């Protein structure tokens, strides 16, 4: 089984591919509904990749992953309180988490 470093590097490679596929924000108003839905999926995948990295780091540090209905929010809070990410980065990631929630549940 691949080590933490290899799994994190693989996630970063996936994230880079996702970012490369995203349209420039100036193009968003000209996208068809299908293209816009595809772009939303890419943003969702971007956040999931970041979340997968955080999960790997939390597990590797010997801590338990959060459980329950708010585990996504709790993971960000745990990463912030453990200084894995800054307060500023956590704030930015919460915006993506909110989008992920909307995308997945609405």
Protein backbone atom coordinates (compact mmCIF):
# COMPACT_ATOMS: atom_id res chain seq x y z
CA UNK A 1 0.00 0.00 0.00
CA UNK A 2 1.26 3.46 -0.85
CA UNK A 3 2.56 5.64 1.94
CA UNK A 4 1.04 8.93 3.03
CA UNK A 5 3.47 10.94 0.93
CA UNK A 6 2.59 9.02 -2.23
CA UNK A 7 -1.16 9.33 -1.59
CA UNK A 8 -0.87 13.07 -0.92
CA UNK A 9 1.26 13.56 -4.04
CA UNK A 10 -1.30 11.63 -6.10
CA UNK A 11 -4.06 13.88 -4.75
CA UNK A 12 -2.04 16.98 -5.67
CA UNK A 13 -1.58 15.62 -9.19
CA UNK A 14 -5.34 15.05 -9.45
CA UNK A 15 -6.02 18.56 -8.15
CA UNK A 16 -3.65 20.04 -10.72
CA UNK A 17 -5.48 18.18 -13.51
CA UNK A 18 -8.83 19.45 -12.22
CA UNK A 19 -7.57 23.05 -12.08
CA UNK A 20 -6.22 22.78 -15.62
CA UNK A 21 -9.68 21.74 -16.84
CA UNK A 22 -11.54 24.62 -15.19
CA UNK A 23 -12.60 27.39 -17.55
CA UNK A 24 -11.39 30.92 -16.97
CA UNK A 25 -13.86 32.83 -14.81
CA UNK A 26 -14.38 35.36 -17.63
CA UNK A 27 -15.90 32.54 -19.70
CA UNK A 28 -18.51 31.43 -17.14
CA UNK A 29 -21.31 33.60 -18.51
CA UNK A 30 -20.95 32.04 -21.96
CA UNK A 31 -21.02 28.40 -20.82
CA UNK A 32 -23.94 26.15 -21.67
CA UNK A 33 -25.86 24.52 -18.81
CA UNK A 34 -23.98 21.29 -19.43
CA UNK A 35 -20.60 23.06 -19.40
CA UNK A 36 -21.53 24.93 -16.24
CA UNK A 37 -22.58 21.67 -14.55
CA UNK A 38 -19.26 20.12 -15.61
CA UNK A 39 -17.38 23.10 -14.18
CA UNK A 40 -19.29 22.76 -10.91
CA UNK A 41 -18.27 19.10 -10.79
CA UNK A 42 -14.63 20.12 -11.23
CA UNK A 43 -14.88 22.59 -8.33
CA UNK A 44 -16.46 19.82 -6.24
CA UNK A 45 -13.63 17.45 -7.19
CA UNK A 46 -11.04 20.12 -6.34
CA UNK A 47 -12.40 20.43 -2.80
CA UNK A 48 -12.70 16.67 -2.36
CA UNK A 49 -9.04 16.33 -3.29
CA UNK A 50 -8.04 18.90 -0.67
CA UNK A 51 -10.21 17.17 1.90
CA UNK A 52 -8.61 13.82 1.05
CA UNK A 53 -5.18 15.35 1.72
CA UNK A 54 -6.34 16.69 5.09
CA UNK A 55 -7.73 13.26 5.99
CA UNK A 56 -4.42 11.58 5.11
CA UNK A 57 -2.45 14.05 7.23
CA UNK A 58 -4.81 13.71 10.21
CA UNK A 59 -4.60 9.91 10.05
CA UNK A 60 -0.80 10.00 9.67
CA UNK A 61 -0.51 12.22 12.73
CA UNK A 62 -2.28 9.56 14.81
CA UNK A 63 -5.49 11.50 15.30
CA UNK A 64 -8.99 10.22 14.74
CA UNK A 65 -11.01 11.43 11.79
CA UNK A 66 -14.14 13.28 12.81
CA UNK A 67 -17.40 11.37 12.57
CA UNK A 68 -21.03 12.32 12.34
CA UNK A 69 -23.08 14.68 10.25
CA UNK A 70 -20.65 17.59 10.58
CA UNK A 71 -17.43 15.66 9.95
CA UNK A 72 -16.51 17.82 6.93
CA UNK A 73 -16.66 20.99 9.04
CA UNK A 74 -14.98 19.26 11.96
CA UNK A 75 -12.10 18.12 9.74
CA UNK A 76 -11.39 21.71 8.71
CA UNK A 77 -11.62 22.88 12.31
CA UNK A 78 -9.25 20.11 13.43
CA UNK A 79 -6.77 20.96 10.66
CA UNK A 80 -6.88 24.62 11.67
CA UNK A 81 -6.57 24.01 15.41
CA UNK A 82 -3.63 21.65 14.78
CA UNK A 83 -1.93 24.32 12.66
CA UNK A 84 -2.03 22.08 9.59
CA UNK A 85 -3.66 25.03 7.81
CA UNK A 86 -3.87 28.70 8.68
CA UNK A 87 -6.99 30.51 9.81
CA UNK A 88 -7.03 32.30 6.46
CA UNK A 89 -6.77 29.05 4.50
CA UNK A 90 -9.48 27.47 6.64
CA UNK A 91 -11.74 30.43 5.87
CA UNK A 92 -11.16 30.03 2.13
CA UNK A 93 -11.73 26.27 2.31
CA UNK A 94 -15.02 26.82 4.17
CA UNK A 95 -16.27 28.63 1.08
CA UNK A 96 -15.46 25.55 -1.03
CA UNK A 97 -17.00 23.31 1.61
CA UNK A 98 -20.21 25.35 1.42
CA UNK A 99 -20.20 24.95 -2.36
CA UNK A 100 -19.56 21.22 -2.01
CA UNK A 101 -22.52 20.93 0.36
CA UNK A 102 -24.78 22.88 -2.00
CA UNK A 103 -23.59 20.87 -5.01
CA UNK A 104 -24.11 17.52 -3.27
CA UNK A 105 -27.37 18.20 -1.45
CA UNK A 106 -29.37 20.81 -3.34
